[in-house]
C-alpha atoms as a PDB file:
ATOM      1  CA  MET A   1      -0.128   0.046  -0.266  1.00  0.00           C
ATOM      2  CA  ARG A   2       1.547   3.226  -0.996  1.00  0.00           C
ATOM      3  CA  PHE A   3       0.465   6.774   0.457  1.00  0.00           C
ATOM      4  CA  ASP A   4       0.495  10.032  -1.109  1.00  0.00           C
ATOM      5  CA  GLU A   5       2.462  11.774   1.902  1.00  0.00           C
ATOM      6  CA  SER A   6       1.546  15.085   0.777  1.00  0.00           C
ATOM      7  CA  ARG A   7      -2.150  14.402   1.480  1.00  0.00           C
ATOM      8  CA  LEU A   8      -1.608  13.319   5.292  1.00  0.00           C
ATOM      9  CA  VAL A   9      -0.283  14.965   8.178  1.00  0.00           C
ATOM     10  CA  LEU A  10      -0.432  13.663  12.082  1.00  0.00           C
ATOM     11  CA  ASN A  11      -2.074  16.226  13.878  1.00  0.00           C
ATOM     12  CA  PRO A  12       0.321  16.476  17.299  1.00  0.00           C
ATOM     13  CA  ASP A  13      -2.847  17.523  19.365  1.00  0.00           C
ATOM     14  CA  ILE A  14      -4.956  14.575  18.592  1.00  0.00           C
ATOM     15  CA  LEU A  15      -2.165  12.410  18.798  1.00  0.00           C
ATOM     16  CA  MET A  16      -1.534  13.568  22.043  1.00  0.00           C
ATOM     17  CA  GLU A  17      -5.192  13.365  23.318  1.00  0.00           C
ATOM     18  CA  ALA A  18      -4.714   9.581  22.195  1.00  0.00           C
ATOM     19  CA  VAL A  19      -1.871   9.059  24.236  1.00  0.00           C
ATOM     20  CA  GLY A  20      -3.425  10.827  27.238  1.00  0.00           C
ATOM     21  CA  SER A  21      -6.698   8.990  26.843  1.00  0.00           C
ATOM     22  CA  PHE A  22      -4.449   5.616  26.398  1.00  0.00           C
ATOM     23  CA  TYR A  23      -2.844   6.187  29.920  1.00  0.00           C
ATOM     24  CA  ARG A  24      -6.134   7.306  31.698  1.00  0.00           C
ATOM     25  CA  GLN A  25      -7.954   4.326  30.729  1.00  0.00           C
ATOM     26  CA  LEU A  26      -5.198   2.304  31.060  1.00  0.00           C
ATOM     27  CA  GLN A  27      -4.731   3.213  34.594  1.00  0.00           C
ATOM     28  CA  GLN A  28      -8.550   2.880  35.178  1.00  0.00           C
ATOM     29  CA  PHE A  29      -8.366  -0.407  34.034  1.00  0.00           C
ATOM     30  CA  LYS A  30      -5.518  -1.459  36.222  1.00  0.00           C
ATOM     31  CA  THR A  31      -7.236   0.015  39.303  1.00  0.00           C
ATOM     32  CA  ASP A  32     -10.670  -1.518  38.324  1.00  0.00           C
ATOM     33  CA  HIS A  33      -8.915  -5.323  38.099  1.00  0.00           C
ATOM     34  CA  GLU A  34      -6.455  -4.392  40.986  1.00  0.00           C
ATOM     35  CA  ILE A  35      -3.188  -5.343  39.033  1.00  0.00           C
ATOM     36  CA  SER A  36      -0.166  -3.366  39.421  1.00  0.00           C
ATOM     37  CA  TRP A  37       1.513  -3.998  35.607  1.00  0.00           C
ATOM     38  CA  ALA A  38      -0.209  -3.855  32.197  1.00  0.00           C
ATOM     39  CA  ASP A  39       1.908  -6.222  29.857  1.00  0.00           C
ATOM     40  CA  ARG A  40       2.694  -5.269  26.333  1.00  0.00           C
ATOM     41  CA  HIS A  41      -0.438  -6.755  24.946  1.00  0.00           C
ATOM     42  CA  LYS A  42      -2.901  -4.562  26.843  1.00  0.00           C
ATOM     43  CA  SER A  43      -0.564  -1.073  26.689  1.00  0.00           C
ATOM     44  CA  GLY A  44      -0.775  -2.325  22.360  1.00  0.00           C
ATOM     45  CA  GLY A  45      -4.456  -2.933  22.282  1.00  0.00           C
ATOM     46  CA  PHE A  46      -5.362  -0.029  24.519  1.00  0.00           C
ATOM     47  CA  MET A  47      -3.184   2.225  22.447  1.00  0.00           C
ATOM     48  CA  MET A  48      -4.302   0.633  19.062  1.00  0.00           C
ATOM     49  CA  SER A  49      -8.175   1.468  20.415  1.00  0.00           C
ATOM     50  CA  TRP A  50      -7.127   5.070  21.121  1.00  0.00           C
ATOM     51  CA  ILE A  51      -5.713   5.772  17.346  1.00  0.00           C
ATOM     52  CA  CYS A  52      -8.626   4.277  15.593  1.00  0.00           C
ATOM     53  CA  ARG A  53     -11.056   6.253  17.983  1.00  0.00           C
ATOM     54  CA  LEU A  54      -9.509   9.736  17.606  1.00  0.00           C
ATOM     55  CA  LYS A  55      -7.738   9.162  14.051  1.00  0.00           C
ATOM     56  CA  PRO A  56      -4.462  11.306  14.698  1.00  0.00           C
ATOM     57  CA  ILE A  57      -3.679  11.289  10.964  1.00  0.00           C
ATOM     58  CA  GLN A  58      -5.726  13.486   9.131  1.00  0.00           C
ATOM     59  CA  ILE A  59      -6.301  14.083   5.336  1.00  0.00           C
ATOM     60  CA  LEU A  60      -5.487  17.372   3.913  1.00  0.00           C
ATOM     61  CA  VAL A  61      -7.493  18.768   1.458  1.00  0.00           C
ATOM     62  CA  SER A  62      -5.476  22.051  -0.375  1.00  0.00           C
ATOM     63  CA  SER A  63      -8.944  23.616  -1.622  1.00  0.00           C
ATOM     64  CA  ILE A  64     -12.660  23.611  -1.609  1.00  0.00           C
ATOM     65  CA  THR A  65     -12.537  22.009  -4.896  1.00  0.00           C
ATOM     66  CA  ASP A  66     -10.307  19.152  -4.262  1.00  0.00           C
ATOM     67  CA  GLU A  67     -12.099  15.688  -4.026  1.00  0.00           C
ATOM     68  CA  ILE A  68     -11.585  13.431  -1.146  1.00  0.00           C
ATOM     69  CA  ALA A  69     -10.258  10.135  -1.780  1.00  0.00           C
ATOM     70  CA  PRO A  70     -12.927   7.510  -2.580  1.00  0.00           C
ATOM     71  CA  PRO A  71     -12.794   4.634   0.212  1.00  0.00           C
ATOM     72  CA  ASP A  72     -10.624   2.350  -1.778  1.00  0.00           C
ATOM     73  CA  GLU A  73      -7.312   4.556  -1.578  1.00  0.00           C
ATOM     74  CA  PRO A  74      -5.089   3.564   1.037  1.00  0.00           C
ATOM     75  CA  GLU A  75      -5.078   7.350   2.687  1.00  0.00           C
ATOM     76  CA  LEU A  76      -8.188   6.343   4.440  1.00  0.00           C
ATOM     77  CA  LEU A  77      -6.799   3.784   6.044  1.00  0.00           C
ATOM     78  CA  ALA A  78      -3.785   5.381   7.731  1.00  0.00           C
ATOM     79  CA  ASN A  79      -4.750   5.621  11.061  1.00  0.00           C
ATOM     80  CA  GLU A  80      -5.953   1.652  11.182  1.00  0.00           C
ATOM     81  CA  LEU A  81      -2.542   1.047   9.520  1.00  0.00           C
ATOM     82  CA  PHE A  82      -0.762   3.139  12.226  1.00  0.00           C
ATOM     83  CA  ALA A  83      -2.449   1.275  14.992  1.00  0.00           C
ATOM     84  CA  ILE A  84      -1.582  -1.827  13.682  1.00  0.00           C
ATOM     85  CA  HIS A  85       2.088  -0.492  13.664  1.00  0.00           C
ATOM     86  CA  ILE A  86       1.962   0.533  17.077  1.00  0.00           C
ATOM     87  CA  GLY A  87       0.048  -2.622  18.604  1.00  0.00           C
ATOM     88  CA  LEU A  88       2.669  -4.838  16.821  1.00  0.00           C
ATOM     89  CA  SER A  89       5.628  -2.709  17.964  1.00  0.00           C
ATOM     90  CA  CYS A  90       4.467  -3.759  21.576  1.00  0.00           C
ATOM     91  CA  LEU A  91       5.210  -7.429  20.610  1.00  0.00           C
ATOM     92  CA  ASP A  92       8.470  -9.830  21.018  1.00  0.00           C
ATOM     93  CA  VAL A  93       7.913 -11.424  17.473  1.00  0.00           C
ATOM     94  CA  THR A  94       8.485 -10.005  14.006  1.00  0.00           C
ATOM     95  CA  PRO A  95       4.807  -9.866  12.128  1.00  0.00           C
ATOM     96  CA  ASP A  96       4.875 -11.966   8.622  1.00  0.00           C
ATOM     97  CA  LEU A  97       2.885  -9.192   7.044  1.00  0.00           C
ATOM     98  CA  LEU A  98       2.463 -11.155   3.648  1.00  0.00           C
ATOM     99  CA  GLY A  99       2.210 -14.545   5.151  1.00  0.00           C
ATOM    100  CA  ASP A 100      -0.645 -13.437   7.522  1.00  0.00           C
ATOM    101  CA  TYR A 101      -2.081 -11.619   4.936  1.00  0.00           C
ATOM    102  CA  ASP A 102      -5.880 -12.659   5.550  1.00  0.00           C
ATOM    103  CA  PHE A 103      -5.448 -11.843   9.367  1.00  0.00           C
ATOM    104  CA  PHE A 104      -4.433  -8.135   8.683  1.00  0.00           C
ATOM    105  CA  ASP A 105      -6.805  -7.535   5.878  1.00  0.00           C
ATOM    106  CA  SER A 106      -9.307  -8.688   8.507  1.00  0.00           C
ATOM    107  CA  LEU A 107      -8.141  -6.865  11.386  1.00  0.00           C
ATOM    108  CA  ILE A 108      -8.199  -3.502   9.078  1.00  0.00           C
ATOM    109  CA  LYS A 109     -11.726  -4.127   7.944  1.00  0.00           C
ATOM    110  CA  ARG A 110     -12.935  -4.615  11.824  1.00  0.00           C
ATOM    111  CA  LEU A 111     -11.010  -1.358  13.019  1.00  0.00           C
ATOM    112  CA  ARG A 112     -12.182   0.575  10.129  1.00  0.00           C
ATOM    113  CA  GLU A 113     -15.721  -0.757  10.228  1.00  0.00           C
ATOM    114  CA  ARG A 114     -16.623  -0.504  14.181  1.00  0.00           C
ATOM    115  CA  GLU A 115     -15.047   0.432  17.167  1.00  0.00           C
ATOM    116  CA  CYS A 116     -12.988  -2.225  18.951  1.00  0.00           C
ATOM    117  CA  PRO A 117     -12.816  -2.627  22.723  1.00  0.00           C
ATOM    118  CA  PRO A 118      -9.304  -2.407  23.990  1.00  0.00           C
ATOM    119  CA  GLU A 119      -9.460  -5.785  25.761  1.00  0.00           C
ATOM    120  CA  TYR A 120     -10.449  -7.468  22.491  1.00  0.00           C
ATOM    121  CA  LEU A 121      -7.613  -5.739  20.652  1.00  0.00           C
ATOM    122  CA  SER A 122      -5.443  -7.017  23.875  1.00  0.00           C
ATOM    123  CA  SER A 123      -6.147 -10.364  23.389  1.00  0.00           C
ATOM    124  CA  MET A 124      -5.889 -10.355  19.773  1.00  0.00           C
ATOM    125  CA  LEU A 125      -2.322  -9.263  19.706  1.00  0.00           C
ATOM    126  CA  TYR A 126      -1.581 -12.066  22.323  1.00  0.00           C
ATOM    127  CA  LEU A 127      -2.960 -14.517  20.272  1.00  0.00           C
ATOM    128  CA  TYR A 128      -1.030 -13.259  17.146  1.00  0.00           C
ATOM    129  CA  GLU A 129       2.180 -13.182  19.325  1.00  0.00           C
ATOM    130  CA  ARG A 130       1.975 -16.906  20.552  1.00  0.00           C
ATOM    131  CA  LEU A 131       0.878 -18.047  16.971  1.00  0.00           C
ATOM    132  CA  ARG A 132       4.064 -16.346  15.496  1.00  0.00           C
ATOM    133  CA  GLN A 133       6.065 -17.939  18.348  1.00  0.00           C
ATOM    134  CA  SER A 134       5.126 -21.162  17.646  1.00  0.00           C
ATOM    135  CA  ILE A 135       5.434 -21.101  14.044  1.00  0.00           C
ATOM    136  CA  SER A 136       8.953 -19.979  14.499  1.00  0.00           C
ATOM    137  CA  ALA A 137       9.754 -22.971  16.786  1.00  0.00           C
END
């Protein structure tokens, strides 16, 4: 997937709000469940959730006459791809993006079409990590 980078901008205010919301929600989760430490899967899942909710990557429209990209253009998936990148960077495995294409395609669609609870995304990251570990063993 290739992006026209001139059409995308990372909004720092929205990104900071996503990071702050991530920390607040994760702290509340830890308090509610009486745990002192959240593992990497929870951190990744909660951050993915907030990136997809607030969408810090914005599409630029240079003038009123410019058209917004049709839904099949990759710029519209920038936040979902960014969220997946953040989630995978928390794991202790190297992802196989081509070998696991169906998995990632389904995840992108799920993130795009509905709000995913962070607990769901945390579980998904855990299972993906275990799968990659068992394949490489």
